[in-house]
């Protein structure tokens, strides 16, 4: 009798194990964990609570033309789990334009991203699916959840009638008909960000993003020298949970567009964001603490982690001899001596969302 029961329970256990690993597609693969992407990513991250926050940006100045300097920047922020899969994703874009007609830089504009513009971007009426840009970007962000950076890079595209590279996948195209090349590149870069900020969370963290563009460094052209269209953007991704900032990344892009006294566009320069440039940014030799820009950004991010939003936005600054607003806190200043007022401002903007 005991032998019979032992055999019976062994058979029952084996059947149960095989049932949990069923081949639902009939192709020899175990797909039981792939049918619900959201559930898969939540469970994968929840096992250890280990995440990373990464950012990526794609910048294009090629649409500039005589009389108008233009910077197109597509931003992506992602939270990935231990397996490198995307748990959350946010996509935004800046389409910054400056008139340089007659050699005069039209400074002092209020620059808004496409997400900030929302319905005011006015794509809906021209969209074949009746969706604004921000709605389509959000759809793309939702589509890539559960993917790795390599899988995002492998998303196939095809040219539409206007020549834009749109999604070839019908499910993705159903909710996102705009060109997706820059989105793909920015998200893939964010997933592979080698400076991604590692953090722990026992519940689903909240991802926030913001960007601020200023043009104060722009200069008019003269007969002796070219002018400069300098639409520089500071952007941040912040992870918040239970009233605390768990992770933070800040980056800056400084694309430079030269123009002549007649408004003709000249040399355009952009080599990468400050985080991407690392040692090539060339700040270390001029730094009083011998640290590059990206190293000082990391020190700032470490200082911010664990603080409340009010504590972060309340970080005190003071003006240094160069006129920059630097950290007043001695612990923060020991690792970060660059101006941080713009960083605090963009983080505050992100936390307000």
C-alpha atoms as a PDB file:
ATOM      1  CA  UNK A   1       0.000   0.000   0.000  1.00  0.00           C
ATOM      2  CA  UNK A   2       2.781   2.454   0.915  1.00  0.00           C
ATOM      3  CA  UNK A   3       4.581   1.624  -2.333  1.00  0.00           C
ATOM      4  CA  UNK A   4       1.398   2.284  -4.303  1.00  0.00           C
ATOM      5  CA  UNK A   5       0.920   5.688  -2.635  1.00  0.00           C
ATOM      6  CA  UNK A   6       4.552   6.647  -3.286  1.00  0.00           C
ATOM      7  CA  UNK A   7       4.226   5.845  -6.985  1.00  0.00           C
ATOM      8  CA  UNK A   8       0.871   7.678  -7.159  1.00  0.00           C
ATOM      9  CA  UNK A   9       2.259  10.901  -5.633  1.00  0.00           C
ATOM     10  CA  UNK A  10       5.399  10.758  -7.797  1.00  0.00           C
ATOM     11  CA  UNK A  11       3.259  10.552 -10.959  1.00  0.00           C
ATOM     12  CA  UNK A  12       1.039  13.388  -9.692  1.00  0.00           C
ATOM     13  CA  UNK A  13       4.055  15.623  -8.979  1.00  0.00           C
ATOM     14  CA  UNK A  14       5.560  14.955 -12.415  1.00  0.00           C
ATOM     15  CA  UNK A  15       2.280  15.814 -14.139  1.00  0.00           C
ATOM     16  CA  UNK A  16       2.011  19.037 -12.182  1.00  0.00           C
ATOM     17  CA  UNK A  17       5.529  20.112 -13.138  1.00  0.00           C
ATOM     18  CA  UNK A  18       4.946  19.432 -16.826  1.00  0.00           C
ATOM     19  CA  UNK A  19       1.640  21.303 -16.722  1.00  0.00           C
ATOM     20  CA  UNK A  20       3.412  24.412 -15.409  1.00  0.00           C
ATOM     21  CA  UNK A  21       5.862  24.313 -18.336  1.00  0.00           C
ATOM     22  CA  UNK A  22       3.406  23.729 -21.131  1.00  0.00           C
ATOM     23  CA  UNK A  23       4.268  24.558 -24.742  1.00  0.00           C
ATOM     24  CA  UNK A  24       1.357  26.882 -25.527  1.00  0.00           C
ATOM     25  CA  UNK A  25       2.582  27.789 -28.998  1.00  0.00           C
ATOM     26  CA  UNK A  26       3.447  24.288 -30.079  1.00  0.00           C
ATOM     27  CA  UNK A  27       6.930  25.403 -31.122  1.00  0.00           C
ATOM     28  CA  UNK A  28       8.893  23.738 -28.352  1.00  0.00           C
ATOM     29  CA  UNK A  29       9.234  26.920 -26.283  1.00  0.00           C
ATOM     30  CA  UNK A  30       8.002  27.498 -22.761  1.00  0.00           C
ATOM     31  CA  UNK A  31       5.823  30.591 -23.167  1.00  0.00           C
ATOM     32  CA  UNK A  32       4.053  30.508 -19.810  1.00  0.00           C
ATOM     33  CA  UNK A  33       6.049  33.551 -18.611  1.00  0.00           C
ATOM     34  CA  UNK A  34       5.724  35.496 -21.873  1.00  0.00           C
ATOM     35  CA  UNK A  35       1.972  35.835 -22.259  1.00  0.00           C
ATOM     36  CA  UNK A  36       1.634  38.817 -19.921  1.00  0.00           C
ATOM     37  CA  UNK A  37       4.543  41.223 -20.388  1.00  0.00           C
ATOM     38  CA  UNK A  38       3.561  43.511 -17.533  1.00  0.00           C
ATOM     39  CA  UNK A  39       3.273  40.573 -15.137  1.00  0.00           C
ATOM     40  CA  UNK A  40       6.591  39.146 -16.311  1.00  0.00           C
ATOM     41  CA  UNK A  41       8.531  42.372 -15.765  1.00  0.00           C
ATOM     42  CA  UNK A  42       6.878  43.011 -12.403  1.00  0.00           C
ATOM     43  CA  UNK A  43       7.745  39.541 -11.131  1.00  0.00           C
ATOM     44  CA  UNK A  44      11.301  39.629 -12.496  1.00  0.00           C
ATOM     45  CA  UNK A  45      12.094  42.898 -10.762  1.00  0.00           C
ATOM     46  CA  UNK A  46      10.180  42.044  -7.634  1.00  0.00           C
ATOM     47  CA  UNK A  47      12.273  38.951  -6.884  1.00  0.00           C
ATOM     48  CA  UNK A  48      15.296  41.007  -5.825  1.00  0.00           C
ATOM     49  CA  UNK A  49      14.134  44.625  -6.012  1.00  0.00           C
ATOM     50  CA  UNK A  50      17.248  45.501  -8.030  1.00  0.00           C
ATOM     51  CA  UNK A  51      16.782  48.088 -10.760  1.00  0.00           C
ATOM     52  CA  UNK A  52      18.752  50.502 -12.914  1.00  0.00           C
ATOM     53  CA  UNK A  53      17.804  53.954 -14.191  1.00  0.00           C
ATOM     54  CA  UNK A  54      19.276  54.847 -17.583  1.00  0.00           C
ATOM     55  CA  UNK A  55      18.934  57.697 -20.070  1.00  0.00           C
ATOM     56  CA  UNK A  56      19.596  58.132 -23.773  1.00  0.00           C
ATOM     57  CA  UNK A  57      19.349  61.022 -26.234  1.00  0.00           C
ATOM     58  CA  UNK A  58      19.500  61.362 -30.020  1.00  0.00           C
ATOM     59  CA  UNK A  59      20.315  64.828 -31.381  1.00  0.00           C
ATOM     60  CA  UNK A  60      19.895  66.097 -34.936  1.00  0.00           C
ATOM     61  CA  UNK A  61      20.676  69.591 -36.251  1.00  0.00           C
ATOM     62  CA  UNK A  62      20.350  68.702 -39.946  1.00  0.00           C
ATOM     63  CA  UNK A  63      16.925  70.343 -40.315  1.00  0.00           C
ATOM     64  CA  UNK A  64      18.454  73.780 -39.802  1.00  0.00           C
ATOM     65  CA  UNK A  65      18.161  76.032 -42.842  1.00  0.00           C
ATOM     66  CA  UNK A  66      19.189  79.553 -43.718  1.00  0.00           C
ATOM     67  CA  UNK A  67      17.354  81.902 -41.390  1.00  0.00           C
ATOM     68  CA  UNK A  68      16.398  79.174 -38.890  1.00  0.00           C
ATOM     69  CA  UNK A  69      18.555  77.119 -36.527  1.00  0.00           C
ATOM     70  CA  UNK A  70      16.842  73.926 -35.389  1.00  0.00           C
ATOM     71  CA  UNK A  71      17.726  71.238 -32.854  1.00  0.00           C
ATOM     72  CA  UNK A  72      15.786  67.969 -32.748  1.00  0.00           C
ATOM     73  CA  UNK A  73      16.461  65.956 -29.586  1.00  0.00           C
ATOM     74  CA  UNK A  74      14.698  62.720 -28.655  1.00  0.00           C
ATOM     75  CA  UNK A  75      15.026  61.688 -25.006  1.00  0.00           C
ATOM     76  CA  UNK A  76      14.393  58.332 -23.373  1.00  0.00           C
ATOM     77  CA  UNK A  77      14.505  57.253 -19.751  1.00  0.00           C
ATOM     78  CA  UNK A  78      14.118  53.633 -18.700  1.00  0.00           C
ATOM     79  CA  UNK A  79      13.991  51.544 -15.570  1.00  0.00           C
ATOM     80  CA  UNK A  80      15.384  48.066 -16.178  1.00  0.00           C
ATOM     81  CA  UNK A  81      15.400  45.000 -13.948  1.00  0.00           C
ATOM     82  CA  UNK A  82      18.227  42.575 -13.184  1.00  0.00           C
ATOM     83  CA  UNK A  83      17.740  40.760 -16.491  1.00  0.00           C
ATOM     84  CA  UNK A  84      17.985  44.006 -18.443  1.00  0.00           C
ATOM     85  CA  UNK A  85      14.296  44.110 -19.311  1.00  0.00           C
ATOM     86  CA  UNK A  86      12.437  47.405 -19.387  1.00  0.00           C
ATOM     87  CA  UNK A  87      10.097  47.841 -16.428  1.00  0.00           C
ATOM     88  CA  UNK A  88       9.143  51.428 -17.259  1.00  0.00           C
ATOM     89  CA  UNK A  89       9.922  53.830 -20.087  1.00  0.00           C
ATOM     90  CA  UNK A  90       9.352  57.507 -20.844  1.00  0.00           C
ATOM     91  CA  UNK A  91       9.951  59.206 -24.192  1.00  0.00           C
ATOM     92  CA  UNK A  92       9.991  62.908 -24.994  1.00  0.00           C
ATOM     93  CA  UNK A  93      11.380  65.143 -27.720  1.00  0.00           C
ATOM     94  CA  UNK A  94      12.453  68.753 -28.137  1.00  0.00           C
ATOM     95  CA  UNK A  95      11.990  70.537 -31.443  1.00  0.00           C
ATOM     96  CA  UNK A  96      13.808  73.766 -30.668  1.00  0.00           C
ATOM     97  CA  UNK A  97      13.900  76.476 -33.323  1.00  0.00           C
ATOM     98  CA  UNK A  98      15.560  79.882 -33.352  1.00  0.00           C
ATOM     99  CA  UNK A  99      15.285  82.581 -35.998  1.00  0.00           C
ATOM    100  CA  UNK A 100      18.720  83.813 -37.102  1.00  0.00           C
ATOM    101  CA  UNK A 101      17.480  85.981 -39.970  1.00  0.00           C
ATOM    102  CA  UNK A 102      19.774  88.920 -40.805  1.00  0.00           C
ATOM    103  CA  UNK A 103      22.352  87.523 -38.402  1.00  0.00           C
ATOM    104  CA  UNK A 104      20.300  88.182 -35.272  1.00  0.00           C
ATOM    105  CA  UNK A 105      19.741  85.337 -32.777  1.00  0.00           C
ATOM    106  CA  UNK A 106      16.175  85.475 -31.482  1.00  0.00           C
ATOM    107  CA  UNK A 107      16.891  84.709 -27.845  1.00  0.00           C
ATOM    108  CA  UNK A 108      14.629  84.494 -24.809  1.00  0.00           C
ATOM    109  CA  UNK A 109      12.099  81.997 -26.108  1.00  0.00           C
ATOM    110  CA  UNK A 110      10.048  79.623 -23.970  1.00  0.00           C
ATOM    111  CA  UNK A 111      10.971  76.163 -25.236  1.00  0.00           C
ATOM    112  CA  UNK A 112       8.559  73.281 -24.657  1.00  0.00           C
ATOM    113  CA  UNK A 113       8.989  69.588 -25.351  1.00  0.00           C
ATOM    114  CA  UNK A 114       6.453  67.630 -27.384  1.00  0.00           C
ATOM    115  CA  UNK A 115       5.136  65.953 -24.236  1.00  0.00           C
ATOM    116  CA  UNK A 116       4.647  69.371 -22.639  1.00  0.00           C
ATOM    117  CA  UNK A 117       2.870  70.692 -25.712  1.00  0.00           C
ATOM    118  CA  UNK A 118       0.447  67.770 -25.730  1.00  0.00           C
ATOM    119  CA  UNK A 119      -2.558  68.660 -27.882  1.00  0.00           C
ATOM    120  CA  UNK A 120      -0.954  72.005 -28.774  1.00  0.00           C
ATOM    121  CA  UNK A 121       1.578  70.153 -30.929  1.00  0.00           C
ATOM    122  CA  UNK A 122      -1.342  69.806 -33.377  1.00  0.00           C
ATOM    123  CA  UNK A 123      -0.599  66.414 -34.895  1.00  0.00           C
ATOM    124  CA  UNK A 124      -3.963  64.822 -34.154  1.00  0.00           C
ATOM    125  CA  UNK A 125      -5.847  66.149 -37.193  1.00  0.00           C
ATOM    126  CA  UNK A 126      -3.072  65.074 -39.547  1.00  0.00           C
ATOM    127  CA  UNK A 127      -2.688  61.661 -37.904  1.00  0.00           C
ATOM    128  CA  UNK A 128      -4.209  58.670 -39.612  1.00  0.00           C
ATOM    129  CA  UNK A 129      -5.057  57.198 -36.209  1.00  0.00           C
ATOM    130  CA  UNK A 130      -6.240  60.464 -34.626  1.00  0.00           C
ATOM    131  CA  UNK A 131      -3.485  60.488 -31.995  1.00  0.00           C
ATOM    132  CA  UNK A 132      -1.215  63.304 -30.825  1.00  0.00           C
ATOM    133  CA  UNK A 133       2.563  62.866 -30.752  1.00  0.00           C
ATOM    134  CA  UNK A 134       2.656  62.438 -26.981  1.00  0.00           C
ATOM    135  CA  UNK A 135      -0.031  59.746 -27.149  1.00  0.00           C
ATOM    136  CA  UNK A 136       1.932  57.871 -29.807  1.00  0.00           C
ATOM    137  CA  UNK A 137       5.181  58.212 -27.863  1.00  0.00           C
ATOM    138  CA  UNK A 138       3.446  56.831 -24.767  1.00  0.00           C
ATOM    139  CA  UNK A 139       2.139  53.915 -26.833  1.00  0.00           C
ATOM    140  CA  UNK A 140       5.680  53.160 -28.044  1.00  0.00           C
ATOM    141  CA  UNK A 141       6.957  53.360 -24.457  1.00  0.00           C
ATOM    142  CA  UNK A 142       4.327  50.856 -23.380  1.00  0.00           C
ATOM    143  CA  UNK A 143       5.135  48.565 -26.303  1.00  0.00           C
ATOM    144  CA  UNK A 144       8.808  48.210 -25.329  1.00  0.00           C
ATOM    145  CA  UNK A 145       8.120  47.250 -21.718  1.00  0.00           C
ATOM    146  CA  UNK A 146       9.491  43.767 -21.128  1.00  0.00           C
ATOM    147  CA  UNK A 147      12.098  44.125 -23.887  1.00  0.00           C
ATOM    148  CA  UNK A 148      15.870  44.355 -23.595  1.00  0.00           C
ATOM    149  CA  UNK A 149      17.941  47.024 -25.318  1.00  0.00           C
ATOM    150  CA  UNK A 150      18.921  44.554 -28.047  1.00  0.00           C
ATOM    151  CA  UNK A 151      15.280  43.677 -28.659  1.00  0.00           C
ATOM    152  CA  UNK A 152      14.400  47.359 -28.955  1.00  0.00           C
ATOM    153  CA  UNK A 153      17.254  47.882 -31.425  1.00  0.00           C
ATOM    154  CA  UNK A 154      15.864  45.001 -33.484  1.00  0.00           C
ATOM    155  CA  UNK A 155      12.415  46.620 -33.956  1.00  0.00           C
ATOM    156  CA  UNK A 156      11.889  46.651 -37.714  1.00  0.00           C
ATOM    157  CA  UNK A 157      10.912  49.762 -39.645  1.00  0.00           C
ATOM    158  CA  UNK A 158       9.839  50.591 -43.176  1.00  0.00           C
ATOM    159  CA  UNK A 159       9.525  53.809 -45.134  1.00  0.00           C
ATOM    160  CA  UNK A 160       6.043  55.340 -45.425  1.00  0.00           C
ATOM    161  CA  UNK A 161       4.841  57.517 -48.304  1.00  0.00           C
ATOM    162  CA  UNK A 162       6.501  60.570 -46.725  1.00  0.00           C
ATOM    163  CA  UNK A 163       9.844  58.762 -46.411  1.00  0.00           C
ATOM    164  CA  UNK A 164       9.700  58.421 -42.607  1.00  0.00           C
ATOM    165  CA  UNK A 165      10.828  55.153 -41.042  1.00  0.00           C
ATOM    166  CA  UNK A 166       7.743  53.851 -39.272  1.00  0.00           C
ATOM    167  CA  UNK A 167       7.106  50.612 -37.383  1.00  0.00           C
ATOM    168  CA  UNK A 168       6.764  47.538 -39.574  1.00  0.00           C
ATOM    169  CA  UNK A 169       5.034  45.635 -36.769  1.00  0.00           C
ATOM    170  CA  UNK A 170       1.252  45.969 -37.147  1.00  0.00           C
ATOM    171  CA  UNK A 171       0.582  45.995 -33.405  1.00  0.00           C
ATOM    172  CA  UNK A 172       3.044  48.828 -32.832  1.00  0.00           C
ATOM    173  CA  UNK A 173       1.936  50.754 -35.927  1.00  0.00           C
ATOM    174  CA  UNK A 174      -1.683  50.572 -34.777  1.00  0.00           C
ATOM    175  CA  UNK A 175      -0.859  52.993 -31.951  1.00  0.00           C
ATOM    176  CA  UNK A 176       2.260  54.751 -33.243  1.00  0.00           C
ATOM    177  CA  UNK A 177       2.428  55.842 -36.892  1.00  0.00           C
ATOM    178  CA  UNK A 178       5.114  58.537 -36.527  1.00  0.00           C
ATOM    179  CA  UNK A 179       8.740  57.912 -37.421  1.00  0.00           C
ATOM    180  CA  UNK A 180      10.263  55.725 -34.713  1.00  0.00           C
ATOM    181  CA  UNK A 181      13.959  55.581 -35.625  1.00  0.00           C
ATOM    182  CA  UNK A 182      14.982  58.181 -33.033  1.00  0.00           C
ATOM    183  CA  UNK A 183      12.751  56.593 -30.381  1.00  0.00           C
ATOM    184  CA  UNK A 184      14.339  53.201 -30.997  1.00  0.00           C
ATOM    185  CA  UNK A 185      17.853  54.636 -30.818  1.00  0.00           C
ATOM    186  CA  UNK A 186      17.205  56.702 -27.686  1.00  0.00           C
ATOM    187  CA  UNK A 187      15.536  53.824 -25.800  1.00  0.00           C
ATOM    188  CA  UNK A 188      18.268  51.359 -26.810  1.00  0.00           C
ATOM    189  CA  UNK A 189      20.924  53.829 -25.592  1.00  0.00           C
ATOM    190  CA  UNK A 190      19.068  54.254 -22.301  1.00  0.00           C
ATOM    191  CA  UNK A 191      18.975  50.473 -21.807  1.00  0.00           C
ATOM    192  CA  UNK A 192      22.703  50.234 -22.464  1.00  0.00           C
ATOM    193  CA  UNK A 193      23.650  53.323 -20.448  1.00  0.00           C
ATOM    194  CA  UNK A 194      26.949  52.366 -18.837  1.00  0.00           C
ATOM    195  CA  UNK A 195      26.351  55.023 -16.180  1.00  0.00           C
ATOM    196  CA  UNK A 196      22.869  53.777 -15.313  1.00  0.00           C
ATOM    197  CA  UNK A 197      22.072  54.446 -11.657  1.00  0.00           C
ATOM    198  CA  UNK A 198      21.514  51.251  -9.650  1.00  0.00           C
ATOM    199  CA  UNK A 199      18.904  51.288  -6.888  1.00  0.00           C
ATOM    200  CA  UNK A 200      16.693  49.029  -4.796  1.00  0.00           C
ATOM    201  CA  UNK A 201      12.924  49.102  -4.425  1.00  0.00           C
ATOM    202  CA  UNK A 202      10.486  46.660  -2.857  1.00  0.00           C
ATOM    203  CA  UNK A 203       7.540  47.998  -4.881  1.00  0.00           C
ATOM    204  CA  UNK A 204       6.976  49.454  -8.324  1.00  0.00           C
ATOM    205  CA  UNK A 205       8.908  52.751  -8.543  1.00  0.00           C
ATOM    206  CA  UNK A 206       7.601  55.864 -10.310  1.00  0.00           C
ATOM    207  CA  UNK A 207       9.607  57.232 -13.237  1.00  0.00           C
ATOM    208  CA  UNK A 208       9.569  60.973 -13.860  1.00  0.00           C
ATOM    209  CA  UNK A 209      11.247  63.048 -16.567  1.00  0.00           C
ATOM    210  CA  UNK A 210      11.719  66.721 -17.450  1.00  0.00           C
ATOM    211  CA  UNK A 211      13.809  68.915 -19.735  1.00  0.00           C
ATOM    212  CA  UNK A 212      14.655  72.622 -19.680  1.00  0.00           C
ATOM    213  CA  UNK A 213      16.146  74.525 -22.633  1.00  0.00           C
ATOM    214  CA  UNK A 214      17.831  77.933 -22.449  1.00  0.00           C
ATOM    215  CA  UNK A 215      19.497  80.043 -25.129  1.00  0.00           C
ATOM    216  CA  UNK A 216      21.391  82.703 -23.154  1.00  0.00           C
ATOM    217  CA  UNK A 217      24.749  81.728 -24.704  1.00  0.00           C
ATOM    218  CA  UNK A 218      23.541  82.570 -28.228  1.00  0.00           C
ATOM    219  CA  UNK A 219      25.321  85.409 -30.043  1.00  0.00           C
ATOM    220  CA  UNK A 220      24.443  87.623 -32.989  1.00  0.00           C
ATOM    221  CA  UNK A 221      26.619  87.528 -36.093  1.00  0.00           C
ATOM    222  CA  UNK A 222      28.722  90.439 -37.294  1.00  0.00           C
ATOM    223  CA  UNK A 223      30.824  91.209 -40.319  1.00  0.00           C
ATOM    224  CA  UNK A 224      33.860  89.964 -38.377  1.00  0.00           C
ATOM    225  CA  UNK A 225      32.481  86.818 -36.734  1.00  0.00           C
ATOM    226  CA  UNK A 226      29.754  84.233 -37.121  1.00  0.00           C
ATOM    227  CA  UNK A 227      26.847  84.165 -34.736  1.00  0.00           C
ATOM    228  CA  UNK A 228      25.958  81.215 -32.529  1.00  0.00           C
ATOM    229  CA  UNK A 229      22.578  79.580 -31.986  1.00  0.00           C
ATOM    230  CA  UNK A 230      23.015  77.867 -28.624  1.00  0.00           C
ATOM    231  CA  UNK A 231      19.858  76.077 -27.556  1.00  0.00           C
ATOM    232  CA  UNK A 232      21.206  74.037 -24.652  1.00  0.00           C
ATOM    233  CA  UNK A 233      19.025  71.503 -22.848  1.00  0.00           C
ATOM    234  CA  UNK A 234      19.345  70.064 -19.350  1.00  0.00           C
ATOM    235  CA  UNK A 235      17.290  66.928 -18.781  1.00  0.00           C
ATOM    236  CA  UNK A 236      16.712  64.547 -15.919  1.00  0.00           C
ATOM    237  CA  UNK A 237      15.125  61.243 -15.026  1.00  0.00           C
ATOM    238  CA  UNK A 238      14.034  60.740 -11.428  1.00  0.00           C
ATOM    239  CA  UNK A 239      12.718  57.643  -9.663  1.00  0.00           C
ATOM    240  CA  UNK A 240      10.463  58.296  -6.693  1.00  0.00           C
ATOM    241  CA  UNK A 241       8.778  55.878  -4.318  1.00  0.00           C
ATOM    242  CA  UNK A 242       7.112  56.253  -0.914  1.00  0.00           C
ATOM    243  CA  UNK A 243       8.013  59.927  -0.719  1.00  0.00           C
ATOM    244  CA  UNK A 244      11.719  59.431  -1.415  1.00  0.00           C
ATOM    245  CA  UNK A 245      13.950  59.920  -4.445  1.00  0.00           C
ATOM    246  CA  UNK A 246      15.517  56.523  -5.084  1.00  0.00           C
ATOM    247  CA  UNK A 247      17.575  57.426  -8.151  1.00  0.00           C
ATOM    248  CA  UNK A 248      18.411  60.379 -10.315  1.00  0.00           C
ATOM    249  CA  UNK A 249      20.291  61.049 -13.556  1.00  0.00           C
ATOM    250  CA  UNK A 250      21.032  64.487 -15.009  1.00  0.00           C
ATOM    251  CA  UNK A 251      22.537  65.237 -18.408  1.00  0.00           C
ATOM    252  CA  UNK A 252      23.096  68.195 -20.709  1.00  0.00           C
ATOM    253  CA  UNK A 253      23.358  68.674 -24.466  1.00  0.00           C
ATOM    254  CA  UNK A 254      25.059  71.692 -26.023  1.00  0.00           C
ATOM    255  CA  UNK A 255      24.614  71.580 -29.808  1.00  0.00           C
ATOM    256  CA  UNK A 256      26.221  74.573 -31.522  1.00  0.00           C
ATOM    257  CA  UNK A 257      24.941  76.043 -34.798  1.00  0.00           C
ATOM    258  CA  UNK A 258      26.918  78.844 -36.432  1.00  0.00           C
ATOM    259  CA  UNK A 259      25.353  81.374 -38.796  1.00  0.00           C
ATOM    260  CA  UNK A 260      26.507  84.345 -40.794  1.00  0.00           C
ATOM    261  CA  UNK A 261      25.462  88.003 -40.881  1.00  0.00           C
ATOM    262  CA  UNK A 262      23.048  87.126 -43.685  1.00  0.00           C
ATOM    263  CA  UNK A 263      21.448  84.335 -41.615  1.00  0.00           C
ATOM    264  CA  UNK A 264      23.082  81.558 -43.614  1.00  0.00           C
ATOM    265  CA  UNK A 265      23.630  78.426 -41.528  1.00  0.00           C
ATOM    266  CA  UNK A 266      27.282  77.489 -41.111  1.00  0.00           C
ATOM    267  CA  UNK A 267      29.072  74.793 -39.113  1.00  0.00           C
ATOM    268  CA  UNK A 268      26.948  72.605 -36.841  1.00  0.00           C
ATOM    269  CA  UNK A 269      28.626  70.782 -33.957  1.00  0.00           C
ATOM    270  CA  UNK A 270      27.430  68.154 -31.515  1.00  0.00           C
ATOM    271  CA  UNK A 271      29.722  65.400 -30.265  1.00  0.00           C
ATOM    272  CA  UNK A 272      27.511  63.894 -27.567  1.00  0.00           C
ATOM    273  CA  UNK A 273      25.917  64.704 -24.240  1.00  0.00           C
ATOM    274  CA  UNK A 274      28.153  65.573 -21.303  1.00  0.00           C
ATOM    275  CA  UNK A 275      27.576  62.163 -19.697  1.00  0.00           C
ATOM    276  CA  UNK A 276      28.358  60.438 -22.995  1.00  0.00           C
ATOM    277  CA  UNK A 277      31.558  62.413 -23.577  1.00  0.00           C
ATOM    278  CA  UNK A 278      33.048  61.458 -20.205  1.00  0.00           C
ATOM    279  CA  UNK A 279      36.785  62.381 -20.288  1.00  0.00           C
ATOM    280  CA  UNK A 280      36.423  63.891 -23.753  1.00  0.00           C
ATOM    281  CA  UNK A 281      34.422  66.733 -22.253  1.00  0.00           C
ATOM    282  CA  UNK A 282      37.744  67.975 -20.861  1.00  0.00           C
ATOM    283  CA  UNK A 283      36.744  69.405 -17.492  1.00  0.00           C
ATOM    284  CA  UNK A 284      39.116  67.465 -15.231  1.00  0.00           C
ATOM    285  CA  UNK A 285      42.198  69.672 -15.728  1.00  0.00           C
ATOM    286  CA  UNK A 286      40.179  72.804 -14.943  1.00  0.00           C
ATOM    287  CA  UNK A 287      38.374  71.265 -11.976  1.00  0.00           C
ATOM    288  CA  UNK A 288      39.503  72.181  -8.491  1.00  0.00           C
ATOM    289  CA  UNK A 289      38.723  68.628  -7.371  1.00  0.00           C
ATOM    290  CA  UNK A 290      40.159  66.904 -10.476  1.00  0.00           C
ATOM    291  CA  UNK A 291      36.810  65.418 -11.503  1.00  0.00           C
ATOM    292  CA  UNK A 292      35.127  65.239 -14.903  1.00  0.00           C
ATOM    293  CA  UNK A 293      31.595  66.504 -15.437  1.00  0.00           C
ATOM    294  CA  UNK A 294      30.068  63.003 -15.463  1.00  0.00           C
ATOM    295  CA  UNK A 295      31.859  62.113 -12.214  1.00  0.00           C
ATOM    296  CA  UNK A 296      30.471  65.224 -10.538  1.00  0.00           C
ATOM    297  CA  UNK A 297      26.974  64.416 -11.834  1.00  0.00           C
ATOM    298  CA  UNK A 298      27.288  60.985 -10.202  1.00  0.00           C
ATOM    299  CA  UNK A 299      28.316  62.597  -6.895  1.00  0.00           C
ATOM    300  CA  UNK A 300      25.226  64.806  -7.112  1.00  0.00           C
ATOM    301  CA  UNK A 301      23.004  61.790  -7.860  1.00  0.00           C
ATOM    302  CA  UNK A 302      24.438  59.924  -4.864  1.00  0.00           C
ATOM    303  CA  UNK A 303      23.754  62.937  -2.652  1.00  0.00           C
ATOM    304  CA  UNK A 304      20.146  63.164  -3.846  1.00  0.00           C
ATOM    305  CA  UNK A 305      19.318  59.471  -3.400  1.00  0.00           C
ATOM    306  CA  UNK A 306      17.183  58.813  -0.327  1.00  0.00           C
ATOM    307  CA  UNK A 307      16.037  62.394   0.114  1.00  0.00           C
ATOM    308  CA  UNK A 308      12.483  63.688  -0.023  1.00  0.00           C
ATOM    309  CA  UNK A 309      11.468  65.879  -2.981  1.00  0.00           C
ATOM    310  CA  UNK A 310      11.432  68.917  -0.690  1.00  0.00           C
ATOM    311  CA  UNK A 311      14.949  68.152   0.509  1.00  0.00           C
ATOM    312  CA  UNK A 312      16.181  67.861  -3.072  1.00  0.00           C
ATOM    313  CA  UNK A 313      14.547  71.037  -4.348  1.00  0.00           C
ATOM    314  CA  UNK A 314      15.668  72.812  -1.172  1.00  0.00           C
ATOM    315  CA  UNK A 315      19.382  72.163  -1.741  1.00  0.00           C
ATOM    316  CA  UNK A 316      21.065  75.506  -1.046  1.00  0.00           C
ATOM    317  CA  UNK A 317      23.464  77.116  -3.497  1.00  0.00           C
ATOM    318  CA  UNK A 318      25.878  80.020  -3.452  1.00  0.00           C
ATOM    319  CA  UNK A 319      27.674  81.966  -6.157  1.00  0.00           C
ATOM    320  CA  UNK A 320      31.332  81.144  -6.757  1.00  0.00           C
ATOM    321  CA  UNK A 321      34.005  83.428  -8.189  1.00  0.00           C
ATOM    322  CA  UNK A 322      32.965  82.499 -11.736  1.00  0.00           C
ATOM    323  CA  UNK A 323      29.354  83.427 -11.120  1.00  0.00           C
ATOM    324  CA  UNK A 324      28.092  79.834 -11.039  1.00  0.00           C
ATOM    325  CA  UNK A 325      25.560  78.728  -8.436  1.00  0.00           C
ATOM    326  CA  UNK A 326      27.313  75.861  -6.681  1.00  0.00           C
ATOM    327  CA  UNK A 327      26.394  73.671  -3.717  1.00  0.00           C
ATOM    328  CA  UNK A 328      26.563  75.285  -0.300  1.00  0.00           C
ATOM    329  CA  UNK A 329      26.616  71.919   1.460  1.00  0.00           C
ATOM    330  CA  UNK A 330      30.266  70.981   2.065  1.00  0.00           C
ATOM    331  CA  UNK A 331      29.687  67.244   1.603  1.00  0.00           C
ATOM    332  CA  UNK A 332      28.041  67.782  -1.792  1.00  0.00           C
ATOM    333  CA  UNK A 333      30.586  70.407  -2.857  1.00  0.00           C
ATOM    334  CA  UNK A 334      33.428  68.013  -2.046  1.00  0.00           C
ATOM    335  CA  UNK A 335      32.367  65.862  -5.015  1.00  0.00           C
ATOM    336  CA  UNK A 336      30.489  68.352  -7.191  1.00  0.00           C
ATOM    337  CA  UNK A 337      31.797  71.878  -7.735  1.00  0.00           C
ATOM    338  CA  UNK A 338      29.959  72.705 -10.988  1.00  0.00           C
ATOM    339  CA  UNK A 339      26.865  74.907 -11.075  1.00  0.00           C
ATOM    340  CA  UNK A 340      23.801  72.923 -10.004  1.00  0.00           C
ATOM    341  CA  UNK A 341      20.987  75.486 -10.027  1.00  0.00           C
ATOM    342  CA  UNK A 342      19.736  74.251 -13.414  1.00  0.00           C
ATOM    343  CA  UNK A 343      19.893  70.651 -12.194  1.00  0.00           C
ATOM    344  CA  UNK A 344      17.757  71.449  -9.175  1.00  0.00           C
ATOM    345  CA  UNK A 345      15.286  73.372 -11.339  1.00  0.00           C
ATOM    346  CA  UNK A 346      14.803  70.534 -13.835  1.00  0.00           C
ATOM    347  CA  UNK A 347      14.459  67.948 -11.031  1.00  0.00           C
ATOM    348  CA  UNK A 348      11.814  70.134  -9.389  1.00  0.00           C
ATOM    349  CA  UNK A 349       9.996  70.285 -12.728  1.00  0.00           C
ATOM    350  CA  UNK A 350      10.098  66.493 -13.014  1.00  0.00           C
ATOM    351  CA  UNK A 351       8.795  65.978  -9.471  1.00  0.00           C
ATOM    352  CA  UNK A 352       5.892  68.341 -10.069  1.00  0.00           C
ATOM    353  CA  UNK A 353       4.456  66.040 -12.747  1.00  0.00           C
END
